[in-house]
Amino acid sequence: MVFFKRHKISNIKNIQVKGPVILAMNHPNAFMDPVAFSSMTYPPRVRYLARGDAFKKGIVTWILESLGIIPIFRMQDAGKDGLMKNNETYQSVNKLLSRNKKIIIFAEGICIQERRLRPLKKGVPRMVFGAMNEFDLNDLTVVPIGINYSNPSQFRSDVFFNIGEPIHINDYMAAYQQAPAKTMNTFLVDLAAKMKSLIIHINHERSETVIGHLEIILKSNYFKQNKWNVNDVEHDFLFSTQLVDVINKAEDHCPEVVAVLTKKTCTYFEQLEKHNLRDWLIDPHFQLIKFPYLKVILQWCLIIISLPIYIIGLLTNFIPYKLSYLITTKKVKIKEFKASFYMGIGAVLFLVNYIALYTIPSVLYSAWLGVLVVMISFLCGYACLFLSPLRKKTKGMWRVLNLQSKQKTIFDALQLQRQVIIKDYETLL
């Protein structure tokens, strides 16, 4: 997927099971969650539940239903009348499950960009055990899935789908026959524990800032020590969960230490922003690179050589890219929906753009020229996704080398701040 810089699904075999399957996910990123998951796992085709108030009469409902989307109504959106319609939803879900289909449910019942699992809705066990009873299923598999984004709203961010071990509802049925309510609560507790282990779960909202800063500062050294792959988003997840575990425990036992550490990381990143630098440029590992000036010069040479490709890619793709960004920024105020609209609007505008790039040379000259223009435009545009970050990194390297030579006291102060932060974190281990 072009929208994401890195994407990965772990343990995909856990959803490739026979029989009816419910995929229980957290829900940080609106329509992007099911769309990304479905495109990365197809086949099989999965259906999913979405807010019922999105189903307007006419073509909108037809489109949503054709995509396999089933409406589910919440009290805050549709009131008691809307909740009555959920009986039809449960019937639709049960029929699909009886045909051994796979259905995504967002177990939290709300879409919100937080790095934690919110309480699961009681409608989840009602749906699960209701399906078992109505169609007398031999078994129903519930697969917990954790969705982890590096930055949910941003183009070219990362996504990691962490699939857990399947839960077989047959294991609960004997207890359910004796005590339905108690068994449903037990199932919900079990599901929540499994889902929590599959995501980055920060106990306290106040910790999110310091954790975000520490992830940037500690990553390179941590990966080097553990011989992990910096390009593997699953290794990113493992790193973040270990770091979060340290901060979560520290918040419980010495919150004042975390508060001081937060203040230090905020000050450090404010200084980096003031000098238009990134943390990796201050990292001693970068300073140990042999012949750094030579490396920068070679990268500038590569940028100059690739300039025609960059210009072609920019000229032929900039308008739909920029329009997608401007429309999303202006019209979409809820951050959980930004990525979904960005991707949807971008898909339409880029399609129109490539149709125009094909049509004009085809009418004026030949269809083959139109095909060639579209291919060159796409390939050059794709190359820009890599050339643009290279340009930014090279400029940053040049700035830090100049800072070292002309304002070394500032550079040394930044390195010292960084070292103090690392030592303070290590005292929490």
Protein backbone atom coordinates (compact mmCIF):
# COMPACT_ATOMS: atom_id res chain seq x y z
CA MET A 1 0.00 0.00 0.00
CA VAL A 2 1.40 3.38 -1.04
CA PHE A 3 -0.33 5.22 1.82
CA PHE A 4 1.87 3.50 4.40
CA LYS A 5 5.63 3.63 4.49
CA ARG A 6 5.84 0.30 6.31
CA HIS A 7 3.11 -2.24 7.01
CA LYS A 8 3.02 -5.74 8.42
CA ILE A 9 0.64 -8.40 9.72
CA SER A 10 1.87 -10.97 12.23
CA ASN A 11 0.41 -14.46 12.69
CA ILE A 12 -1.94 -14.23 9.71
CA LYS A 13 -2.44 -18.00 9.98
CA ASN A 14 -4.65 -17.34 13.03
CA ILE A 15 -7.42 -15.92 10.84
CA GLN A 16 -7.04 -18.52 8.10
CA VAL A 17 -9.19 -21.03 9.95
CA LYS A 18 -12.29 -22.91 8.84
CA GLY A 19 -15.70 -22.07 10.15
CA PRO A 20 -17.25 -18.79 11.33
CA VAL A 21 -14.82 -16.17 12.66
CA ILE A 22 -15.26 -12.87 14.49
CA LEU A 23 -12.22 -10.58 14.35
CA ALA A 24 -12.20 -8.38 17.46
CA MET A 25 -10.12 -5.21 16.95
CA ASN A 26 -9.35 -1.93 18.64
CA HIS A 27 -10.36 1.09 16.55
CA PRO A 28 -7.99 4.09 16.33
CA ASN A 29 -8.43 5.16 12.70
CA ALA A 30 -12.01 5.09 11.37
CA PHE A 31 -12.44 3.46 7.93
CA MET A 32 -8.68 3.09 7.52
CA ASP A 33 -8.64 0.21 10.01
CA PRO A 34 -10.86 -2.23 8.08
CA VAL A 35 -9.76 -1.02 4.64
CA ALA A 36 -6.06 -1.50 5.39
CA PHE A 37 -6.65 -4.85 7.08
CA SER A 38 -8.92 -6.15 4.31
CA SER A 39 -6.52 -5.14 1.53
CA MET A 40 -3.55 -6.73 3.32
CA THR A 41 -5.28 -10.03 4.11
CA TYR A 42 -7.45 -10.60 1.00
CA PRO A 43 -8.44 -13.32 0.37
CA PRO A 44 -10.51 -14.13 2.36
CA ARG A 45 -13.04 -11.33 2.15
CA VAL A 46 -14.07 -9.89 5.50
CA ARG A 47 -17.18 -7.93 6.47
CA TYR A 48 -17.32 -5.39 9.25
CA LEU A 49 -19.66 -3.35 11.39
CA ALA A 50 -19.78 0.44 11.05
CA ARG A 51 -21.76 3.27 12.65
CA GLY A 52 -25.35 3.10 11.52
CA ASP A 53 -25.74 6.87 11.17
CA ALA A 54 -23.41 6.71 8.14
CA PHE A 55 -26.06 4.73 6.25
CA LYS A 56 -28.07 7.43 4.49
CA LYS A 57 -30.93 6.53 2.18
CA GLY A 58 -30.06 5.96 -1.45
CA ILE A 59 -26.75 5.31 -3.12
CA VAL A 60 -24.65 5.71 0.05
CA THR A 61 -26.32 2.73 1.73
CA TRP A 62 -26.02 0.67 -1.47
CA ILE A 63 -22.30 1.41 -1.72
CA LEU A 64 -21.65 0.60 1.95
CA GLU A 65 -23.61 -2.64 1.81
CA SER A 66 -21.90 -3.70 -1.43
CA LEU A 67 -18.56 -3.28 0.37
CA GLY A 68 -19.72 -5.72 3.03
CA ILE A 69 -20.37 -3.09 5.70
CA ILE A 70 -23.11 -3.82 8.25
CA PRO A 71 -24.71 -0.97 10.25
CA ILE A 72 -24.52 -1.01 14.04
CA PHE A 73 -26.27 1.68 16.09
CA ARG A 74 -25.14 3.29 19.33
CA MET A 75 -27.29 5.04 21.91
CA GLN A 76 -25.41 8.35 21.50
CA ASP A 77 -25.95 8.32 17.73
CA ALA A 78 -29.46 6.99 17.21
CA GLY A 79 -31.17 6.78 20.60
CA LYS A 80 -33.43 3.91 21.65
CA ASP A 81 -35.03 3.64 18.20
CA GLY A 82 -31.61 3.09 16.69
CA LEU A 83 -30.79 0.40 19.23
CA MET A 84 -33.93 -1.49 18.19
CA LYS A 85 -32.52 -1.69 14.66
CA ASN A 86 -29.54 -3.63 16.04
CA ASN A 87 -31.78 -6.70 16.18
CA GLU A 88 -31.63 -6.68 12.36
CA THR A 89 -27.85 -6.22 12.57
CA TYR A 90 -27.47 -9.24 14.83
CA GLN A 91 -29.63 -11.27 12.45
CA SER A 92 -27.42 -10.27 9.51
CA VAL A 93 -24.27 -11.12 11.45
CA ASN A 94 -25.67 -14.48 12.56
CA LYS A 95 -26.61 -15.43 9.00
CA LEU A 96 -23.12 -14.57 7.74
CA LEU A 97 -21.52 -16.57 10.53
CA SER A 98 -23.76 -19.53 9.77
CA ARG A 99 -22.24 -19.44 6.25
CA ASN A 100 -18.71 -19.51 7.76
CA LYS A 101 -17.92 -15.86 6.96
CA LYS A 102 -15.43 -13.63 8.74
CA ILE A 103 -16.66 -10.43 10.40
CA ILE A 104 -14.71 -7.56 11.98
CA ILE A 105 -16.13 -5.99 15.11
CA PHE A 106 -14.55 -3.01 16.85
CA ALA A 107 -14.86 -4.24 20.40
CA GLU A 108 -14.35 -0.84 22.08
CA GLY A 109 -17.44 0.51 20.31
CA ILE A 110 -15.73 3.83 19.66
CA CYS A 111 -13.08 5.22 17.33
CA ILE A 112 -10.46 7.23 19.18
CA GLN A 113 -6.74 7.78 18.68
CA GLU A 114 -5.33 6.75 22.02
CA ARG A 115 -2.44 4.38 22.65
CA ARG A 116 -4.47 2.25 25.03
CA LEU A 117 -7.36 -0.18 25.01
CA ARG A 118 -10.65 1.27 26.14
CA PRO A 119 -13.27 -0.85 27.97
CA LEU A 120 -14.92 -3.37 25.65
CA LYS A 121 -18.64 -3.17 24.97
CA LYS A 122 -21.03 -5.73 26.46
CA GLY A 123 -22.64 -6.13 23.05
CA VAL A 124 -19.60 -8.18 21.98
CA PRO A 125 -20.39 -11.28 24.10
CA ARG A 126 -24.12 -10.88 23.38
CA MET A 127 -23.33 -11.08 19.66
CA VAL A 128 -20.93 -13.99 20.09
CA PHE A 129 -23.09 -16.21 22.30
CA GLY A 130 -26.26 -15.16 20.48
CA ALA A 131 -24.84 -16.48 17.22
CA MET A 132 -23.88 -19.77 18.86
CA ASN A 133 -27.39 -20.24 20.22
CA GLU A 134 -29.45 -19.12 17.24
CA PHE A 135 -27.77 -21.30 14.63
CA ASP A 136 -26.54 -24.03 16.99
CA LEU A 137 -23.02 -23.61 15.67
CA ASN A 138 -20.50 -26.34 16.40
CA ASP A 139 -17.99 -23.65 17.28
CA LEU A 140 -17.29 -19.98 16.75
CA THR A 141 -13.76 -18.57 16.69
CA VAL A 142 -13.01 -15.10 18.03
CA VAL A 143 -9.62 -13.78 16.98
CA PRO A 144 -8.25 -10.76 18.92
CA ILE A 145 -6.32 -8.27 16.77
CA GLY A 146 -4.31 -5.23 17.85
CA ILE A 147 -3.87 -2.30 15.45
CA ASN A 148 -0.75 -0.20 16.02
CA TYR A 149 0.03 2.97 14.01
CA SER A 150 3.13 5.12 14.25
CA ASN A 151 0.99 8.17 13.40
CA PRO A 152 -2.62 7.30 12.51
CA SER A 153 -3.46 10.56 10.71
CA GLN A 154 -0.30 10.95 8.64
CA PHE A 155 0.49 9.88 5.09
CA ARG A 156 3.50 7.51 4.88
CA SER A 157 3.22 6.42 8.49
CA ASP A 158 3.50 2.78 9.65
CA VAL A 159 0.88 0.20 10.61
CA PHE A 160 1.27 -3.14 12.36
CA PHE A 161 -1.62 -5.60 12.69
CA ASN A 162 -0.85 -7.93 15.59
CA ILE A 163 -3.05 -11.05 15.42
CA GLY A 164 -3.48 -13.02 18.61
CA GLU A 165 -4.33 -16.62 19.40
CA PRO A 166 -7.90 -17.68 18.49
CA ILE A 167 -10.49 -18.03 21.24
CA HIS A 168 -12.89 -20.97 20.80
CA ILE A 169 -16.34 -20.20 22.17
CA ASN A 170 -17.04 -23.91 22.62
CA ASP A 171 -14.71 -23.72 25.62
CA TYR A 172 -17.22 -21.38 27.31
CA MET A 173 -20.50 -23.05 26.36
CA ALA A 174 -20.80 -25.48 29.29
CA ALA A 175 -20.38 -22.62 31.77
CA TYR A 176 -22.69 -20.43 29.65
CA GLN A 177 -25.55 -22.93 29.95
CA GLN A 178 -25.26 -22.73 33.75
CA ALA A 179 -24.58 -18.99 34.20
CA PRO A 180 -24.97 -16.93 31.00
CA ALA A 181 -24.29 -13.46 32.45
CA LYS A 182 -21.26 -14.54 34.46
CA THR A 183 -19.78 -16.44 31.49
CA MET A 184 -20.23 -13.48 29.14
CA ASN A 185 -18.39 -11.26 31.64
CA THR A 186 -15.61 -13.85 31.93
CA PHE A 187 -15.28 -13.98 28.14
CA LEU A 188 -15.14 -10.18 27.94
CA VAL A 189 -12.37 -10.05 30.57
CA ASP A 190 -10.41 -12.74 28.72
CA LEU A 191 -10.81 -10.96 25.38
CA ALA A 192 -9.75 -7.60 26.85
CA ALA A 193 -6.58 -9.11 28.34
CA LYS A 194 -5.64 -10.72 25.01
CA MET A 195 -6.33 -7.52 23.04
CA LYS A 196 -4.37 -5.39 25.49
CA SER A 197 -1.29 -7.58 24.97
CA LEU A 198 -1.49 -6.96 21.21
CA ILE A 199 -1.32 -3.16 21.32
CA ILE A 200 0.86 -0.49 22.88
CA HIS A 201 -1.13 0.23 26.04
CA ILE A 202 -0.12 3.36 27.96
CA ASN A 203 -1.87 3.44 31.33
CA HIS A 204 -1.82 7.21 31.81
CA GLU A 205 -2.49 9.84 29.18
CA ARG A 206 0.09 12.12 30.78
CA SER A 207 2.80 9.59 29.88
CA GLU A 208 2.22 9.74 26.13
CA THR A 209 4.52 12.72 25.55
CA VAL A 210 7.55 11.33 27.35
CA ILE A 211 7.06 7.89 25.80
CA GLY A 212 6.91 9.42 22.32
CA HIS A 213 10.14 11.30 22.99
CA LEU A 214 11.93 8.29 24.47
CA GLU A 215 10.93 6.11 21.52
CA ILE A 216 12.84 8.51 19.27
CA ILE A 217 15.88 8.89 21.55
CA LEU A 218 16.38 5.26 22.58
CA LYS A 219 15.44 3.39 19.40
CA SER A 220 18.76 3.26 17.51
CA ASN A 221 20.84 2.09 20.48
CA TYR A 222 18.18 -0.37 21.64
CA PHE A 223 17.88 -1.94 18.19
CA LYS A 224 21.64 -2.18 17.91
CA GLN A 225 21.94 -3.95 21.29
CA ASN A 226 19.21 -6.46 20.41
CA LYS A 227 20.34 -6.88 16.79
CA TRP A 228 16.87 -5.98 15.57
CA ASN A 229 15.90 -4.83 12.09
CA VAL A 230 15.12 -1.09 12.00
CA ASN A 231 12.85 -1.67 8.98
CA ASP A 232 10.66 -4.23 10.74
CA VAL A 233 7.57 -2.62 12.31
CA GLU A 234 7.09 -5.67 14.53
CA HIS A 235 10.45 -4.93 16.13
CA ASP A 236 9.25 -1.35 16.61
CA PHE A 237 6.24 -2.76 18.45
CA LEU A 238 8.38 -4.97 20.70
CA PHE A 239 10.65 -2.03 21.51
CA SER A 240 7.72 0.27 22.32
CA THR A 241 5.92 -2.27 24.50
CA GLN A 242 9.06 -2.80 26.61
CA LEU A 243 9.59 0.95 26.97
CA VAL A 244 5.92 1.52 27.83
CA ASP A 245 6.05 -1.23 30.45
CA VAL A 246 8.93 0.60 32.18
CA ILE A 247 7.09 3.95 32.19
CA ASN A 248 3.77 2.39 33.27
CA LYS A 249 5.47 0.81 36.29
CA ALA A 250 7.35 4.03 37.07
CA GLU A 251 4.09 6.00 36.99
CA ASP A 252 2.70 3.67 39.66
CA HIS A 253 5.75 3.78 41.94
CA CYS A 254 7.53 7.11 41.31
CA PRO A 255 5.37 9.44 39.19
CA GLU A 256 7.45 12.46 40.26
CA VAL A 257 10.51 10.97 38.51
CA VAL A 258 8.51 10.51 35.29
CA ALA A 259 7.30 14.11 35.56
CA VAL A 260 10.90 15.38 35.77
CA LEU A 261 11.93 13.17 32.85
CA THR A 262 8.99 14.51 30.82
CA LYS A 263 10.12 18.07 31.44
CA LYS A 264 13.68 17.23 30.32
CA THR A 265 12.58 15.53 27.10
CA CYS A 266 10.23 18.41 26.26
CA THR A 267 13.04 20.95 26.77
CA TYR A 268 15.40 18.86 24.62
CA PHE A 269 12.93 18.57 21.74
CA GLU A 270 12.12 22.28 21.95
CA GLN A 271 15.83 22.99 21.47
CA LEU A 272 16.00 20.61 18.51
CA GLU A 273 13.03 22.36 16.90
CA LYS A 274 14.62 25.76 17.53
CA HIS A 275 17.70 24.70 15.53
CA ASN A 276 15.66 22.78 12.93
CA LEU A 277 17.28 19.45 13.84
CA ARG A 278 16.17 15.88 14.46
CA ASP A 279 17.31 13.67 17.32
CA TRP A 280 19.11 11.16 15.09
CA LEU A 281 21.49 13.93 14.04
CA ILE A 282 22.60 14.33 17.67
CA ASP A 283 22.86 10.59 18.22
CA PRO A 284 26.54 9.67 18.80
CA HIS A 285 26.09 6.75 16.41
CA PHE A 286 25.73 9.25 13.58
CA GLN A 287 28.80 11.12 14.77
CA LEU A 288 30.85 7.90 14.45
CA ILE A 289 30.07 7.61 10.74
CA LYS A 290 33.34 7.59 8.83
CA PHE A 291 33.88 10.65 6.62
CA PRO A 292 30.50 12.35 7.35
CA TYR A 293 31.24 15.27 5.00
CA LEU A 294 32.01 12.80 2.21
CA LYS A 295 28.73 10.99 2.90
CA VAL A 296 26.78 14.26 2.70
CA ILE A 297 28.53 15.25 -0.52
CA LEU A 298 27.78 11.86 -2.09
CA GLN A 299 24.12 12.18 -1.10
CA TRP A 300 23.97 15.66 -2.65
CA CYS A 301 25.42 14.17 -5.83
CA LEU A 302 22.72 11.51 -5.83
CA ILE A 303 20.05 14.19 -5.32
CA ILE A 304 21.40 16.23 -8.23
CA ILE A 305 21.58 13.19 -10.53
CA SER A 306 18.01 12.18 -9.64
CA LEU A 307 16.70 15.75 -9.98
CA PRO A 308 15.00 15.14 -13.41
CA ILE A 309 13.10 12.17 -11.92
CA TYR A 310 12.12 14.26 -8.89
CA ILE A 311 10.92 17.18 -11.03
CA ILE A 312 8.86 14.94 -13.35
CA GLY A 313 7.31 13.15 -10.39
CA LEU A 314 6.56 16.44 -8.66
CA LEU A 315 5.05 18.16 -11.73
CA THR A 316 2.81 15.25 -12.69
CA ASN A 317 1.64 14.30 -9.18
CA PHE A 318 1.78 17.44 -7.06
CA ILE A 319 -1.74 18.77 -7.82
CA PRO A 320 -3.73 15.68 -6.67
CA TYR A 321 -1.35 15.20 -3.72
CA LYS A 322 -1.66 18.79 -2.54
CA LEU A 323 -5.40 19.00 -3.20
CA SER A 324 -6.00 15.83 -1.16
CA TYR A 325 -4.08 17.36 1.73
CA LEU A 326 -5.82 20.76 1.53
CA ILE A 327 -9.34 19.32 1.25
CA THR A 328 -8.76 16.91 4.14
CA THR A 329 -7.18 19.59 6.34
CA LYS A 330 -9.99 22.09 5.66
CA LYS A 331 -13.02 19.81 5.71
CA VAL A 332 -12.16 17.03 8.17
CA LYS A 333 -11.95 18.31 11.73
CA ILE A 334 -12.06 14.97 13.56
CA LYS A 335 -8.55 13.53 13.55
CA GLU A 336 -9.75 9.92 13.59
CA PHE A 337 -11.22 10.45 10.10
CA LYS A 338 -8.35 12.37 8.51
CA ALA A 339 -6.40 9.39 7.15
CA SER A 340 -9.55 7.73 5.76
CA PHE A 341 -10.62 10.85 3.88
CA TYR A 342 -7.07 11.62 2.80
CA MET A 343 -6.73 8.18 1.25
CA GLY A 344 -10.22 8.23 -0.31
CA ILE A 345 -9.94 11.73 -1.78
CA GLY A 346 -6.40 11.02 -2.94
CA ALA A 347 -7.47 7.82 -4.71
CA VAL A 348 -10.14 9.69 -6.68
CA LEU A 349 -7.94 12.70 -7.54
CA PHE A 350 -4.98 10.58 -8.60
CA LEU A 351 -7.27 8.47 -10.80
CA VAL A 352 -8.59 11.64 -12.47
CA ASN A 353 -5.01 12.91 -12.79
CA TYR A 354 -3.77 9.74 -14.53
CA ILE A 355 -6.81 9.65 -16.82
CA ALA A 356 -5.98 13.21 -17.90
CA LEU A 357 -2.30 12.34 -18.37
CA TYR A 358 -3.35 9.44 -20.59
CA THR A 359 -6.08 11.23 -22.52
CA ILE A 360 -4.19 14.36 -23.62
CA PRO A 361 -1.23 12.66 -25.37
CA SER A 362 -3.54 9.90 -26.66
CA VAL A 363 -5.78 12.42 -28.42
CA LEU A 364 -2.90 14.52 -29.71
CA TYR A 365 -0.55 11.68 -30.71
CA SER A 366 -1.19 8.01 -29.86
CA ALA A 367 -2.55 5.73 -27.15
CA TRP A 368 0.90 4.21 -26.63
CA LEU A 369 2.30 7.63 -25.79
CA GLY A 370 -0.51 8.09 -23.26
CA VAL A 371 0.38 4.78 -21.62
CA LEU A 372 4.06 5.77 -21.56
CA VAL A 373 3.28 9.15 -19.96
CA VAL A 374 1.18 7.51 -17.22
CA MET A 375 3.88 4.91 -16.50
CA ILE A 376 6.62 7.54 -16.29
CA SER A 377 4.45 9.77 -14.10
CA PHE A 378 3.62 6.93 -11.70
CA LEU A 379 7.18 5.63 -11.43
CA CYS A 380 8.66 9.10 -10.95
CA GLY A 381 5.96 9.95 -8.41
CA TYR A 382 6.72 6.75 -6.52
CA ALA A 383 10.43 7.59 -6.59
CA CYS A 384 9.60 10.96 -4.99
CA LEU A 385 8.37 9.09 -1.91
CA PHE A 386 11.99 8.07 -1.33
CA LEU A 387 13.82 11.05 -2.83
CA SER A 388 11.94 13.63 -0.76
CA PRO A 389 12.97 12.10 2.64
CA LEU A 390 16.52 11.73 1.29
CA ARG A 391 16.62 15.45 0.50
CA LYS A 392 15.36 16.34 3.99
CA LYS A 393 17.83 14.01 5.72
CA THR A 394 20.75 15.34 3.69
CA LYS A 395 19.85 18.94 4.53
CA GLY A 396 19.65 17.94 8.20
CA MET A 397 23.08 16.29 8.07
CA TRP A 398 24.53 19.42 6.48
CA ARG A 399 22.98 21.64 9.18
CA VAL A 400 24.34 19.55 12.05
CA LEU A 401 27.83 19.42 10.55
CA ASN A 402 27.77 23.21 10.24
CA LEU A 403 26.54 23.46 13.82
CA GLN A 404 29.44 21.29 14.98
CA SER A 405 31.99 23.48 13.20
CA LYS A 406 30.51 26.94 13.88
CA GLN A 407 28.50 26.62 17.11
CA LYS A 408 30.00 23.63 18.87
CA THR A 409 28.87 24.73 22.32
CA ILE A 410 25.21 24.44 21.24
CA PHE A 411 25.85 21.02 19.72
CA ASP A 412 27.66 19.81 22.87
CA ALA A 413 24.83 21.09 25.05
CA LEU A 414 22.28 19.13 22.99
CA GLN A 415 24.38 15.97 23.25
CA LEU A 416 24.68 16.44 27.02
CA GLN A 417 20.91 16.88 27.36
CA ARG A 418 20.43 13.68 25.40
CA GLN A 419 22.88 11.74 27.58
CA VAL A 420 21.19 12.94 30.79
CA ILE A 421 17.78 11.82 29.50
CA ILE A 422 19.12 8.35 28.67
CA LYS A 423 20.75 8.00 32.12
CA ASP A 424 17.54 9.15 33.85
CA TYR A 425 15.54 6.56 31.91
CA GLU A 426 18.05 3.82 32.78
CA THR A 427 17.52 4.51 36.49
CA LEU A 428 13.91 3.36 35.99
CA LEU A 429 14.94 -0.06 34.64
